């Protein structure tokens, strides 16, 4: 077989020794993570400065604007789905915590999922 003779006459160098994963690999991984996170944050900040806040149907935009204008007045924030929206009353929560000796001023950021499911 002519192919065998050709292969046997070609010099083949052994692969370089494999570096053990260690401190250099860890430093490189952390540095790459920091660079990636920094790029993501810079992009988000740049987009927020350039683009206006989108109008979202169903009162979400109104809630965001109200909270942004009064955010220093609240110390408790409920975030979640329609279960949070319908099952947590900030007035009742604030009254109960106040009666227990921990006065709060809460805001319910829960939102219904009707728009996502098409149940207008």
PDB file of N, CA and C in Angstrom:
ATOM      1  N   UNK A   1       0.841  -1.181   0.000  1.00  0.00           N
ATOM      2  CA  UNK A   1       0.000   0.000   0.000  1.00  0.00           C
ATOM      3  C   UNK A   1       0.882   1.239   0.000  1.00  0.00           C
ATOM      4  N   UNK A   2       0.752   2.055  -1.005  1.00  0.00           N
ATOM      5  CA  UNK A   2       1.597   3.238  -1.081  1.00  0.00           C
ATOM      6  C   UNK A   2       1.267   4.260   0.012  1.00  0.00           C
ATOM      7  N   UNK A   3       0.053   4.315   0.449  1.00  0.00           N
ATOM      8  CA  UNK A   3      -0.319   5.291   1.478  1.00  0.00           C
ATOM      9  C   UNK A   3       0.390   5.036   2.790  1.00  0.00           C
ATOM     10  N   UNK A   4       0.629   3.778   3.113  1.00  0.00           N
ATOM     11  CA  UNK A   4       1.285   3.439   4.381  1.00  0.00           C
ATOM     12  C   UNK A   4       2.728   3.917   4.384  1.00  0.00           C
ATOM     13  N   UNK A   5       3.374   3.780   3.286  1.00  0.00           N
ATOM     14  CA  UNK A   5       4.769   4.211   3.217  1.00  0.00           C
ATOM     15  C   UNK A   5       4.876   5.710   3.393  1.00  0.00           C
ATOM     16  N   UNK A   6       3.949   6.460   2.804  1.00  0.00           N
ATOM     17  CA  UNK A   6       3.964   7.914   2.905  1.00  0.00           C
ATOM     18  C   UNK A   6       3.745   8.347   4.353  1.00  0.00           C
ATOM     19  N   UNK A   7       2.820   7.706   5.026  1.00  0.00           N
ATOM     20  CA  UNK A   7       2.517   8.054   6.409  1.00  0.00           C
ATOM     21  C   UNK A   7       3.703   7.746   7.297  1.00  0.00           C
ATOM     22  N   UNK A   8       4.350   6.660   7.072  1.00  0.00           N
ATOM     23  CA  UNK A   8       5.464   6.297   7.942  1.00  0.00           C
ATOM     24  C   UNK A   8       6.679   7.193   7.738  1.00  0.00           C
ATOM     25  N   UNK A   9       6.815   7.865   6.591  1.00  0.00           N
ATOM     26  CA  UNK A   9       7.958   8.724   6.329  1.00  0.00           C
ATOM     27  C   UNK A   9       7.728  10.173   6.744  1.00  0.00           C
ATOM     28  N   UNK A  10       6.495  10.553   7.079  1.00  0.00           N
ATOM     29  CA  UNK A  10       6.202  11.923   7.484  1.00  0.00           C
ATOM     30  C   UNK A  10       6.484  12.052   8.972  1.00  0.00           C
ATOM     31  N   UNK A  11       7.352  12.998   9.343  1.00  0.00           N
ATOM     32  CA  UNK A  11       7.636  13.147  10.778  1.00  0.00           C
ATOM     33  C   UNK A  11       6.423  13.752  11.507  1.00  0.00           C
ATOM     34  N   UNK A  12       6.089  13.196  12.601  1.00  0.00           N
ATOM     35  CA  UNK A  12       4.947  13.654  13.404  1.00  0.00           C
ATOM     36  C   UNK A  12       5.471  14.048  14.771  1.00  0.00           C
ATOM     37  N   UNK A  13       5.160  15.275  15.146  1.00  0.00           N
ATOM     38  CA  UNK A  13       5.594  15.740  16.464  1.00  0.00           C
ATOM     39  C   UNK A  13       4.519  15.397  17.482  1.00  0.00           C
ATOM     40  N   UNK A  14       4.919  15.041  18.655  1.00  0.00           N
ATOM     41  CA  UNK A  14       3.912  14.758  19.685  1.00  0.00           C
ATOM     42  C   UNK A  14       3.231  16.064  20.099  1.00  0.00           C
ATOM     43  N   UNK A  15       1.990  15.972  20.545  1.00  0.00           N
ATOM     44  CA  UNK A  15       1.292  17.185  20.980  1.00  0.00           C
ATOM     45  C   UNK A  15       1.975  17.792  22.199  1.00  0.00           C
ATOM     46  N   UNK A  16       1.854  19.107  22.346  1.00  0.00           N
ATOM     47  CA  UNK A  16       2.467  19.730  23.522  1.00  0.00           C
ATOM     48  C   UNK A  16       1.809  19.225  24.796  1.00  0.00           C
ATOM     49  N   UNK A  17       2.527  19.235  25.877  1.00  0.00           N
ATOM     50  CA  UNK A  17       1.926  18.749  27.131  1.00  0.00           C
ATOM     51  C   UNK A  17       0.747  19.630  27.540  1.00  0.00           C
ATOM     52  N   UNK A  18      -0.274  19.009  28.049  1.00  0.00           N
ATOM     53  CA  UNK A  18      -1.495  19.704  28.465  1.00  0.00           C
ATOM     54  C   UNK A  18      -1.254  20.405  29.794  1.00  0.00           C
ATOM     55  N   UNK A  19      -1.611  21.697  29.828  1.00  0.00           N
ATOM     56  CA  UNK A  19      -1.470  22.434  31.086  1.00  0.00           C
ATOM     57  C   UNK A  19      -2.576  22.004  32.037  1.00  0.00           C
ATOM     58  N   UNK A  20      -2.209  21.768  33.238  1.00  0.00           N
ATOM     59  CA  UNK A  20      -3.201  21.414  34.236  1.00  0.00           C
ATOM     60  C   UNK A  20      -4.060  22.639  34.537  1.00  0.00           C
ATOM     61  N   UNK A  21      -5.353  22.425  34.703  1.00  0.00           N
ATOM     62  CA  UNK A  21      -6.212  23.551  35.048  1.00  0.00           C
ATOM     63  C   UNK A  21      -5.819  24.025  36.429  1.00  0.00           C
ATOM     64  N   UNK A  22      -5.591  25.272  36.529  1.00  0.00           N
ATOM     65  CA  UNK A  22      -5.136  25.805  37.802  1.00  0.00           C
ATOM     66  C   UNK A  22      -5.462  27.273  37.921  1.00  0.00           C
ATOM     67  N   UNK A  23      -4.545  27.975  38.528  1.00  0.00           N
ATOM     68  CA  UNK A  23      -4.756  29.384  38.834  1.00  0.00           C
ATOM     69  C   UNK A  23      -4.932  30.234  37.575  1.00  0.00           C
ATOM     70  N   UNK A  24      -4.126  29.990  36.525  1.00  0.00           N
ATOM     71  CA  UNK A  24      -4.229  30.777  35.296  1.00  0.00           C
ATOM     72  C   UNK A  24      -5.604  30.615  34.652  1.00  0.00           C
ATOM     73  N   UNK A  25      -6.103  29.397  34.647  1.00  0.00           N
ATOM     74  CA  UNK A  25      -7.417  29.143  34.057  1.00  0.00           C
ATOM     75  C   UNK A  25      -8.511  29.838  34.861  1.00  0.00           C
ATOM     76  N   UNK A  26      -8.398  29.793  36.167  1.00  0.00           N
ATOM     77  CA  UNK A  26      -9.379  30.456  37.023  1.00  0.00           C
ATOM     78  C   UNK A  26      -9.347  31.960  36.816  1.00  0.00           C
ATOM     79  N   UNK A  27      -8.165  32.539  36.768  1.00  0.00           N
ATOM     80  CA  UNK A  27      -8.033  33.984  36.557  1.00  0.00           C
ATOM     81  C   UNK A  27      -8.604  34.373  35.202  1.00  0.00           C
ATOM     82  N   UNK A  28      -8.321  33.579  34.182  1.00  0.00           N
ATOM     83  CA  UNK A  28      -8.843  33.861  32.844  1.00  0.00           C
ATOM     84  C   UNK A  28     -10.371  33.780  32.832  1.00  0.00           C
ATOM     85  N   UNK A  29     -10.949  32.792  33.512  1.00  0.00           N
ATOM     86  CA  UNK A  29     -12.404  32.640  33.558  1.00  0.00           C
ATOM     87  C   UNK A  29     -13.053  33.812  34.283  1.00  0.00           C
ATOM     88  N   UNK A  30     -12.470  34.222  35.398  1.00  0.00           N
ATOM     89  CA  UNK A  30     -13.016  35.359  36.145  1.00  0.00           C
ATOM     90  C   UNK A  30     -12.894  36.644  35.321  1.00  0.00           C
ATOM     91  N   UNK A  31     -11.746  36.845  34.682  1.00  0.00           N
ATOM     92  CA  UNK A  31     -11.555  38.045  33.859  1.00  0.00           C
ATOM     93  C   UNK A  31     -12.555  38.081  32.706  1.00  0.00           C
ATOM     94  N   UNK A  32     -12.768  36.959  32.034  1.00  0.00           N
ATOM     95  CA  UNK A  32     -13.739  36.915  30.944  1.00  0.00           C
ATOM     96  C   UNK A  32     -15.157  37.172  31.441  1.00  0.00           C
ATOM     97  N   UNK A  33     -15.488  36.656  32.615  1.00  0.00           N
ATOM     98  CA  UNK A  33     -16.812  36.902  33.192  1.00  0.00           C
ATOM     99  C   UNK A  33     -17.000  38.372  33.519  1.00  0.00           C
ATOM    100  N   UNK A  34     -15.979  38.988  34.097  1.00  0.00           N
ATOM    101  CA  UNK A  34     -16.063  40.414  34.431  1.00  0.00           C
ATOM    102  C   UNK A  34     -16.193  41.254  33.161  1.00  0.00           C
ATOM    103  N   UNK A  35     -15.433  40.924  32.141  1.00  0.00           N
ATOM    104  CA  UNK A  35     -15.520  41.660  30.870  1.00  0.00           C
ATOM    105  C   UNK A  35     -16.913  41.512  30.269  1.00  0.00           C
ATOM    106  N   UNK A  36     -17.450  40.301  30.268  1.00  0.00           N
ATOM    107  CA  UNK A  36     -18.787  40.068  29.724  1.00  0.00           C
ATOM    108  C   UNK A  36     -19.860  40.809  30.497  1.00  0.00           C
ATOM    109  N   UNK A  37     -19.808  40.763  31.819  1.00  0.00           N
ATOM    110  CA  UNK A  37     -20.781  41.460  32.653  1.00  0.00           C
ATOM    111  C   UNK A  37     -20.679  42.964  32.471  1.00  0.00           C
ATOM    112  N   UNK A  38     -19.462  43.483  32.399  1.00  0.00           N
ATOM    113  CA  UNK A  38     -19.270  44.920  32.190  1.00  0.00           C
ATOM    114  C   UNK A  38     -19.837  45.348  30.844  1.00  0.00           C
ATOM    115  N   UNK A  39     -19.588  44.577  29.796  1.00  0.00           N
ATOM    116  CA  UNK A  39     -20.134  44.905  28.474  1.00  0.00           C
ATOM    117  C   UNK A  39     -21.656  44.895  28.498  1.00  0.00           C
ATOM    118  N   UNK A  40     -22.241  43.925  29.178  1.00  0.00           N
ATOM    119  CA  UNK A  40     -23.703  43.844  29.289  1.00  0.00           C
ATOM    120  C   UNK A  40     -24.259  45.069  30.009  1.00  0.00           C
ATOM    121  N   UNK A  41     -23.657  45.438  31.144  1.00  0.00           N
ATOM    122  CA  UNK A  41     -24.140  46.586  31.915  1.00  0.00           C
ATOM    123  C   UNK A  41     -23.985  47.898  31.146  1.00  0.00           C
ATOM    124  N   UNK A  42     -22.861  48.071  30.469  1.00  0.00           N
ATOM    125  CA  UNK A  42     -22.647  49.293  29.680  1.00  0.00           C
ATOM    126  C   UNK A  42     -23.687  49.375  28.566  1.00  0.00           C
ATOM    127  N   UNK A  43     -23.976  48.256  27.929  1.00  0.00           N
ATOM    128  CA  UNK A  43     -24.994  48.234  26.881  1.00  0.00           C
ATOM    129  C   UNK A  43     -26.364  48.581  27.441  1.00  0.00           C
ATOM    130  N   UNK A  44     -26.724  48.008  28.580  1.00  0.00           N
ATOM    131  CA  UNK A  44     -28.025  48.309  29.200  1.00  0.00           C
ATOM    132  C   UNK A  44     -28.133  49.775  29.576  1.00  0.00           C
ATOM    133  N   UNK A  45     -27.098  50.329  30.175  1.00  0.00           N
ATOM    134  CA  UNK A  45     -27.115  51.737  30.570  1.00  0.00           C
ATOM    135  C   UNK A  45     -27.208  52.634  29.337  1.00  0.00           C
ATOM    136  N   UNK A  46     -26.475  52.297  28.280  1.00  0.00           N
ATOM    137  CA  UNK A  46     -26.529  53.077  27.049  1.00  0.00           C
ATOM    138  C   UNK A  46     -27.905  53.034  26.407  1.00  0.00           C
ATOM    139  N   UNK A  47     -28.512  51.853  26.362  1.00  0.00           N
ATOM    140  CA  UNK A  47     -29.854  51.742  25.782  1.00  0.00           C
ATOM    141  C   UNK A  47     -30.884  52.494  26.613  1.00  0.00           C
ATOM    142  N   UNK A  48     -30.745  52.447  27.930  1.00  0.00           N
ATOM    143  CA  UNK A  48     -31.698  53.159  28.793  1.00  0.00           C
ATOM    144  C   UNK A  48     -31.592  54.667  28.587  1.00  0.00           C
ATOM    145  N   UNK A  49     -30.378  55.162  28.361  1.00  0.00           N
ATOM    146  CA  UNK A  49     -30.189  56.596  28.155  1.00  0.00           C
ATOM    147  C   UNK A  49     -30.722  57.036  26.802  1.00  0.00           C
ATOM    148  N   UNK A  50     -30.653  56.171  25.810  1.00  0.00           N
ATOM    149  CA  UNK A  50     -31.043  56.539  24.451  1.00  0.00           C
ATOM    150  C   UNK A  50     -32.528  56.310  24.181  1.00  0.00           C
ATOM    151  N   UNK A  51     -33.048  55.166  24.598  1.00  0.00           N
ATOM    152  CA  UNK A  51     -34.412  54.788  24.256  1.00  0.00           C
ATOM    153  C   UNK A  51     -35.397  55.198  25.348  1.00  0.00           C
ATOM    154  N   UNK A  52     -36.593  55.618  24.968  1.00  0.00           N
ATOM    155  CA  UNK A  52     -37.610  55.937  25.978  1.00  0.00           C
ATOM    156  C   UNK A  52     -38.184  54.658  26.575  1.00  0.00           C
ATOM    157  N   UNK A  53     -38.790  54.798  27.734  1.00  0.00           N
ATOM    158  CA  UNK A  53     -39.441  53.652  28.369  1.00  0.00           C
ATOM    159  C   UNK A  53     -40.621  53.239  27.493  1.00  0.00           C
ATOM    160  N   UNK A  54     -40.764  51.957  27.164  1.00  0.00           N
ATOM    161  CA  UNK A  54     -41.849  51.540  26.275  1.00  0.00           C
ATOM    162  C   UNK A  54     -43.204  51.622  26.961  1.00  0.00           C
ATOM    163  N   UNK A  55     -44.231  51.872  26.171  1.00  0.00           N
ATOM    164  CA  UNK A  55     -45.596  51.854  26.685  1.00  0.00           C
ATOM    165  C   UNK A  55     -46.063  50.410  26.711  1.00  0.00           C
ATOM    166  N   UNK A  56     -46.481  49.939  27.868  1.00  0.00           N
ATOM    167  CA  UNK A  56     -46.938  48.563  28.037  1.00  0.00           C
ATOM    168  C   UNK A  56     -48.413  48.622  28.397  1.00  0.00           C
ATOM    169  N   UNK A  57     -49.222  47.863  27.664  1.00  0.00           N
ATOM    170  CA  UNK A  57     -50.668  47.855  27.897  1.00  0.00           C
ATOM    171  C   UNK A  57     -51.005  47.291  29.267  1.00  0.00           C
ATOM    172  N   UNK A  58     -52.210  47.559  29.713  1.00  0.00           N
ATOM    173  CA  UNK A  58     -52.701  46.976  30.948  1.00  0.00           C
ATOM    174  C   UNK A  58     -52.304  47.724  32.208  1.00  0.00           C
ATOM    175  N   UNK A  59     -51.806  48.940  32.101  1.00  0.00           N
ATOM    176  CA  UNK A  59     -51.488  49.724  33.275  1.00  0.00           C
ATOM    177  C   UNK A  59     -50.089  49.524  33.823  1.00  0.00           C
ATOM    178  N   UNK A  60     -49.283  48.690  33.186  1.00  0.00           N
ATOM    179  CA  UNK A  60     -47.934  48.439  33.691  1.00  0.00           C
ATOM    180  C   UNK A  60     -47.100  49.714  33.637  1.00  0.00           C
ATOM    181  N   UNK A  61     -47.187  50.441  32.535  1.00  0.00           N
ATOM    182  CA  UNK A  61     -46.420  51.688  32.404  1.00  0.00           C
ATOM    183  C   UNK A  61     -46.827  52.697  33.467  1.00  0.00           C
ATOM    184  N   UNK A  62     -48.131  52.763  33.758  1.00  0.00           N
ATOM    185  CA  UNK A  62     -48.594  53.681  34.800  1.00  0.00           C
ATOM    186  C   UNK A  62     -48.033  53.297  36.161  1.00  0.00           C
ATOM    187  N   UNK A  63     -47.987  52.000  36.438  1.00  0.00           N
ATOM    188  CA  UNK A  63     -47.422  51.543  37.717  1.00  0.00           C
ATOM    189  C   UNK A  63     -45.945  51.908  37.819  1.00  0.00           C
ATOM    190  N   UNK A  64     -45.204  51.696  36.728  1.00  0.00           N
ATOM    191  CA  UNK A  64     -43.781  52.040  36.728  1.00  0.00           C
ATOM    192  C   UNK A  64     -43.579  53.535  36.966  1.00  0.00           C
ATOM    193  N   UNK A  65     -44.359  54.353  36.282  1.00  0.00           N
ATOM    194  CA  UNK A  65     -44.215  55.816  36.451  1.00  0.00           C
ATOM    195  C   UNK A  65     -44.567  56.251  37.868  1.00  0.00           C
ATOM    196  N   UNK A  66     -45.660  55.695  38.408  1.00  0.00           N
ATOM    197  CA  UNK A  66     -46.062  56.048  39.763  1.00  0.00           C
ATOM    198  C   UNK A  66     -44.988  55.633  40.763  1.00  0.00           C
ATOM    199  N   UNK A  67     -44.493  54.404  40.614  1.00  0.00           N
ATOM    200  CA  UNK A  67     -43.470  53.933  41.546  1.00  0.00           C
ATOM    201  C   UNK A  67     -42.194  54.762  41.420  1.00  0.00           C
ATOM    202  N   UNK A  68     -41.805  55.111  40.195  1.00  0.00           N
ATOM    203  CA  UNK A  68     -40.595  55.919  40.000  1.00  0.00           C
ATOM    204  C   UNK A  68     -40.728  57.277  40.670  1.00  0.00           C
ATOM    205  N   UNK A  69     -41.930  57.848  40.631  1.00  0.00           N
ATOM    206  CA  UNK A  69     -42.150  59.161  41.241  1.00  0.00           C
ATOM    207  C   UNK A  69     -42.220  59.083  42.765  1.00  0.00           C
ATOM    208  N   UNK A  70     -42.608  57.941  43.311  1.00  0.00           N
ATOM    209  CA  UNK A  70     -42.828  57.816  44.766  1.00  0.00           C
ATOM    210  C   UNK A  70     -41.992  56.710  45.407  1.00  0.00           C
ATOM    211  N   UNK A  71     -40.915  56.284  44.753  1.00  0.00           N
ATOM    212  CA  UNK A  71     -40.166  55.120  45.244  1.00  0.00           C
ATOM    213  C   UNK A  71     -39.594  55.295  46.645  1.00  0.00           C
ATOM    214  N   UNK A  72     -39.314  56.521  47.044  1.00  0.00           N
ATOM    215  CA  UNK A  72     -38.756  56.744  48.384  1.00  0.00           C
ATOM    216  C   UNK A  72     -39.800  56.599  49.487  1.00  0.00           C
ATOM    217  N   UNK A  73     -41.075  56.540  49.118  1.00  0.00           N
ATOM    218  CA  UNK A  73     -42.147  56.417  50.108  1.00  0.00           C
ATOM    219  C   UNK A  73     -42.392  54.965  50.514  1.00  0.00           C
ATOM    220  N   UNK A  74     -41.905  54.009  49.738  1.00  0.00           N
ATOM    221  CA  UNK A  74     -42.187  52.599  49.985  1.00  0.00           C
ATOM    222  C   UNK A  74     -40.975  51.896  50.582  1.00  0.00           C
ATOM    223  N   UNK A  75     -41.258  50.965  51.512  1.00  0.00           N
ATOM    224  CA  UNK A  75     -40.181  50.161  52.076  1.00  0.00           C
ATOM    225  C   UNK A  75     -40.385  48.667  51.814  1.00  0.00           C
ATOM    226  N   UNK A  76     -41.551  48.322  51.256  1.00  0.00           N
ATOM    227  CA  UNK A  76     -41.850  46.928  50.928  1.00  0.00           C
ATOM    228  C   UNK A  76     -42.445  46.885  49.529  1.00  0.00           C
ATOM    229  N   UNK A  77     -41.921  46.001  48.695  1.00  0.00           N
ATOM    230  CA  UNK A  77     -42.362  45.911  47.312  1.00  0.00           C
ATOM    231  C   UNK A  77     -42.729  44.467  46.999  1.00  0.00           C
ATOM    232  N   UNK A  78     -43.949  44.256  46.503  1.00  0.00           N
ATOM    233  CA  UNK A  78     -44.399  42.932  46.096  1.00  0.00           C
ATOM    234  C   UNK A  78     -44.307  42.843  44.582  1.00  0.00           C
ATOM    235  N   UNK A  79     -43.543  41.874  44.088  1.00  0.00           N
ATOM    236  CA  UNK A  79     -43.359  41.682  42.655  1.00  0.00           C
ATOM    237  C   UNK A  79     -43.803  40.274  42.314  1.00  0.00           C
ATOM    238  N   UNK A  80     -44.636  40.161  41.282  1.00  0.00           N
ATOM    239  CA  UNK A  80     -45.051  38.820  40.902  1.00  0.00           C
ATOM    240  C   UNK A  80     -46.156  38.799  39.876  1.00  0.00           C
ATOM    241  N   UNK A  81     -46.775  37.656  39.792  1.00  0.00           N
ATOM    242  CA  UNK A  81     -47.817  37.417  38.801  1.00  0.00           C
ATOM    243  C   UNK A  81     -49.166  37.895  39.337  1.00  0.00           C
ATOM    244  N   UNK A  82     -50.224  37.422  38.673  1.00  0.00           N
ATOM    245  CA  UNK A  82     -51.576  37.809  39.085  1.00  0.00           C
ATOM    246  C   UNK A  82     -51.903  37.300  40.486  1.00  0.00           C
ATOM    247  N   UNK A  83     -51.246  36.247  40.931  1.00  0.00           N
ATOM    248  CA  UNK A  83     -51.483  35.775  42.309  1.00  0.00           C
ATOM    249  C   UNK A  83     -51.071  36.848  43.315  1.00  0.00           C
ATOM    250  N   UNK A  84     -49.938  37.458  43.087  1.00  0.00           N
ATOM    251  CA  UNK A  84     -49.498  38.550  43.963  1.00  0.00           C
ATOM    252  C   UNK A  84     -50.457  39.727  43.817  1.00  0.00           C
ATOM    253  N   UNK A  85     -50.801  40.065  42.587  1.00  0.00           N
ATOM    254  CA  UNK A  85     -51.666  41.221  42.310  1.00  0.00           C
ATOM    255  C   UNK A  85     -53.010  41.097  43.020  1.00  0.00           C
ATOM    256  N   UNK A  86     -53.646  39.910  42.925  1.00  0.00           N
ATOM    257  CA  UNK A  86     -54.984  39.740  43.482  1.00  0.00           C
ATOM    258  C   UNK A  86     -55.004  39.307  44.939  1.00  0.00           C
ATOM    259  N   UNK A  87     -53.949  38.685  45.446  1.00  0.00           N
ATOM    260  CA  UNK A  87     -54.015  38.104  46.788  1.00  0.00           C
ATOM    261  C   UNK A  87     -53.279  38.894  47.861  1.00  0.00           C
ATOM    262  N   UNK A  88     -52.544  39.928  47.489  1.00  0.00           N
ATOM    263  CA  UNK A  88     -51.861  40.731  48.501  1.00  0.00           C
ATOM    264  C   UNK A  88     -52.373  42.166  48.410  1.00  0.00           C
ATOM    265  N   UNK A  89     -52.952  42.608  49.483  1.00  0.00           N
ATOM    266  CA  UNK A  89     -53.440  43.981  49.568  1.00  0.00           C
ATOM    267  C   UNK A  89     -52.434  44.791  50.389  1.00  0.00           C
ATOM    268  N   UNK A  90     -51.807  45.785  49.771  1.00  0.00           N
ATOM    269  CA  UNK A  90     -50.844  46.593  50.535  1.00  0.00           C
ATOM    270  C   UNK A  90     -51.468  47.247  51.767  1.00  0.00           C
ATOM    271  N   UNK A  91     -52.726  47.688  51.673  1.00  0.00           N
ATOM    272  CA  UNK A  91     -53.380  48.338  52.825  1.00  0.00           C
ATOM    273  C   UNK A  91     -53.511  47.369  53.992  1.00  0.00           C
ATOM    274  N   UNK A  92     -53.956  46.136  53.714  1.00  0.00           N
ATOM    275  CA  UNK A  92     -54.105  45.131  54.778  1.00  0.00           C
ATOM    276  C   UNK A  92     -52.731  44.725  55.309  1.00  0.00           C
ATOM    277  N   UNK A  93     -51.771  44.513  54.415  1.00  0.00           N
ATOM    278  CA  UNK A  93     -50.415  44.147  54.844  1.00  0.00           C
ATOM    279  C   UNK A  93     -49.828  45.219  55.758  1.00  0.00           C
ATOM    280  N   UNK A  94     -49.952  46.492  55.351  1.00  0.00           N
ATOM    281  CA  UNK A  94     -49.409  47.590  56.156  1.00  0.00           C
ATOM    282  C   UNK A  94     -50.113  47.687  57.512  1.00  0.00           C
ATOM    283  N   UNK A  95     -51.427  47.469  57.529  1.00  0.00           N
ATOM    284  CA  UNK A  95     -52.179  47.537  58.793  1.00  0.00           C
ATOM    285  C   UNK A  95     -51.745  46.425  59.734  1.00  0.00           C
ATOM    286  N   UNK A  96     -51.618  45.194  59.221  1.00  0.00           N
ATOM    287  CA  UNK A  96     -51.247  44.049  60.060  1.00  0.00           C
ATOM    288  C   UNK A  96     -49.819  44.194  60.581  1.00  0.00           C
ATOM    289  N   UNK A  97     -48.886  44.597  59.710  1.00  0.00           N
ATOM    290  CA  UNK A  97     -47.508  44.760  60.182  1.00  0.00           C
ATOM    291  C   UNK A  97     -47.401  45.922  61.163  1.00  0.00           C
ATOM    292  N   UNK A  98     -48.199  46.976  60.950  1.00  0.00           N
ATOM    293  CA  UNK A  98     -48.207  48.098  61.888  1.00  0.00           C
ATOM    294  C   UNK A  98     -48.731  47.693  63.253  1.00  0.00           C
ATOM    295  N   UNK A  99     -49.797  46.861  63.265  1.00  0.00           N
ATOM    296  CA  UNK A  99     -50.348  46.362  64.531  1.00  0.00           C
ATOM    297  C   UNK A  99     -49.364  45.444  65.250  1.00  0.00           C
ATOM    298  N   UNK A 100     -48.475  44.816  64.478  1.00  0.00           N
ATOM    299  CA  UNK A 100     -47.480  43.914  65.064  1.00  0.00           C
ATOM    300  C   UNK A 100     -46.212  44.644  65.504  1.00  0.00           C
ATOM    301  N   UNK A 101     -46.188  45.962  65.347  1.00  0.00           N
ATOM    302  CA  UNK A 101     -45.046  46.740  65.793  1.00  0.00           C
ATOM    303  C   UNK A 101     -44.015  47.026  64.717  1.00  0.00           C
ATOM    304  N   UNK A 102     -44.310  46.702  63.459  1.00  0.00           N
ATOM    305  CA  UNK A 102     -43.387  46.966  62.364  1.00  0.00           C
ATOM    306  C   UNK A 102     -44.133  47.748  61.277  1.00  0.00           C
ATOM    307  N   UNK A 103     -44.179  49.058  61.404  1.00  0.00           N
ATOM    308  CA  UNK A 103     -44.921  49.838  60.407  1.00  0.00           C
ATOM    309  C   UNK A 103     -44.237  49.770  59.039  1.00  0.00           C
ATOM    310  N   UNK A 104     -45.042  49.518  58.007  1.00  0.00           N
ATOM    311  CA  UNK A 104     -44.529  49.435  56.639  1.00  0.00           C
ATOM    312  C   UNK A 104     -45.399  50.276  55.716  1.00  0.00           C
ATOM    313  N   UNK A 105     -44.865  50.562  54.557  1.00  0.00           N
ATOM    314  CA  UNK A 105     -45.617  51.200  53.478  1.00  0.00           C
ATOM    315  C   UNK A 105     -45.269  50.431  52.214  1.00  0.00           C
ATOM    316  N   UNK A 106     -46.192  49.573  51.780  1.00  0.00           N
ATOM    317  CA  UNK A 106     -45.891  48.639  50.697  1.00  0.00           C
ATOM    318  C   UNK A 106     -46.543  49.053  49.379  1.00  0.00           C
ATOM    319  N   UNK A 107     -46.019  48.466  48.306  1.00  0.00           N
ATOM    320  CA  UNK A 107     -46.527  48.711  46.954  1.00  0.00           C
ATOM    321  C   UNK A 107     -46.626  47.372  46.248  1.00  0.00           C
ATOM    322  N   UNK A 108     -47.777  47.123  45.615  1.00  0.00           N
ATOM    323  CA  UNK A 108     -48.004  45.855  44.923  1.00  0.00           C
ATOM    324  C   UNK A 108     -47.690  46.037  43.442  1.00  0.00           C
ATOM    325  N   UNK A 109     -46.582  45.432  42.998  1.00  0.00           N
ATOM    326  CA  UNK A 109     -46.158  45.501  41.599  1.00  0.00           C
ATOM    327  C   UNK A 109     -46.624  44.268  40.825  1.00  0.00           C
ATOM    328  N   UNK A 110     -47.481  43.441  41.435  1.00  0.00           N
ATOM    329  CA  UNK A 110     -47.994  42.263  40.748  1.00  0.00           C
ATOM    330  C   UNK A 110     -48.801  42.677  39.526  1.00  0.00           C
ATOM    331  N   UNK A 111     -48.822  41.811  38.538  1.00  0.00           N
ATOM    332  CA  UNK A 111     -49.500  42.148  37.286  1.00  0.00           C
ATOM    333  C   UNK A 111     -50.231  40.927  36.758  1.00  0.00           C
ATOM    334  N   UNK A 112     -51.366  41.162  36.138  1.00  0.00           N
ATOM    335  CA  UNK A 112     -52.141  40.056  35.581  1.00  0.00           C
ATOM    336  C   UNK A 112     -51.514  39.571  34.285  1.00  0.00           C
ATOM    337  N   UNK A 113     -51.721  38.306  34.005  1.00  0.00           N
ATOM    338  CA  UNK A 113     -51.157  37.703  32.800  1.00  0.00           C
ATOM    339  C   UNK A 113     -52.173  37.638  31.674  1.00  0.00           C
ATOM    340  N   UNK A 114     -53.267  38.375  31.772  1.00  0.00           N
ATOM    341  CA  UNK A 114     -54.313  38.317  30.759  1.00  0.00           C
ATOM    342  C   UNK A 114     -53.814  38.741  29.390  1.00  0.00           C
ATOM    343  N   UNK A 115     -52.953  39.734  29.325  1.00  0.00           N
ATOM    344  CA  UNK A 115     -52.471  40.209  28.037  1.00  0.00           C
ATOM    345  C   UNK A 115     -51.633  39.158  27.343  1.00  0.00           C
ATOM    346  N   UNK A 116     -50.832  38.433  28.087  1.00  0.00           N
ATOM    347  CA  UNK A 116     -49.970  37.406  27.511  1.00  0.00           C
ATOM    348  C   UNK A 116     -50.790  36.247  26.963  1.00  0.00           C
ATOM    349  N   UNK A 117     -51.906  35.926  27.616  1.00  0.00           N
ATOM    350  CA  UNK A 117     -52.705  34.792  27.178  1.00  0.00           C
ATOM    351  C   UNK A 117     -53.783  35.206  26.192  1.00  0.00           C
ATOM    352  N   UNK A 118     -53.933  36.502  25.934  1.00  0.00           N
ATOM    353  CA  UNK A 118     -54.944  36.961  25.005  1.00  0.00           C
ATOM    354  C   UNK A 118     -56.340  36.984  25.595  1.00  0.00           C
ATOM    355  N   UNK A 119     -56.461  37.099  26.922  1.00  0.00           N
ATOM    356  CA  UNK A 119     -57.772  37.110  27.582  1.00  0.00           C
ATOM    357  C   UNK A 119     -58.167  38.538  27.936  1.00  0.00           C
ATOM    358  N   UNK A 120     -58.407  39.359  26.970  1.00  0.00           N
ATOM    359  CA  UNK A 120     -58.716  40.779  27.219  1.00  0.00           C
ATOM    360  C   UNK A 120     -60.009  40.911  27.954  1.00  0.00           C
TER     361      UNK A 120
END
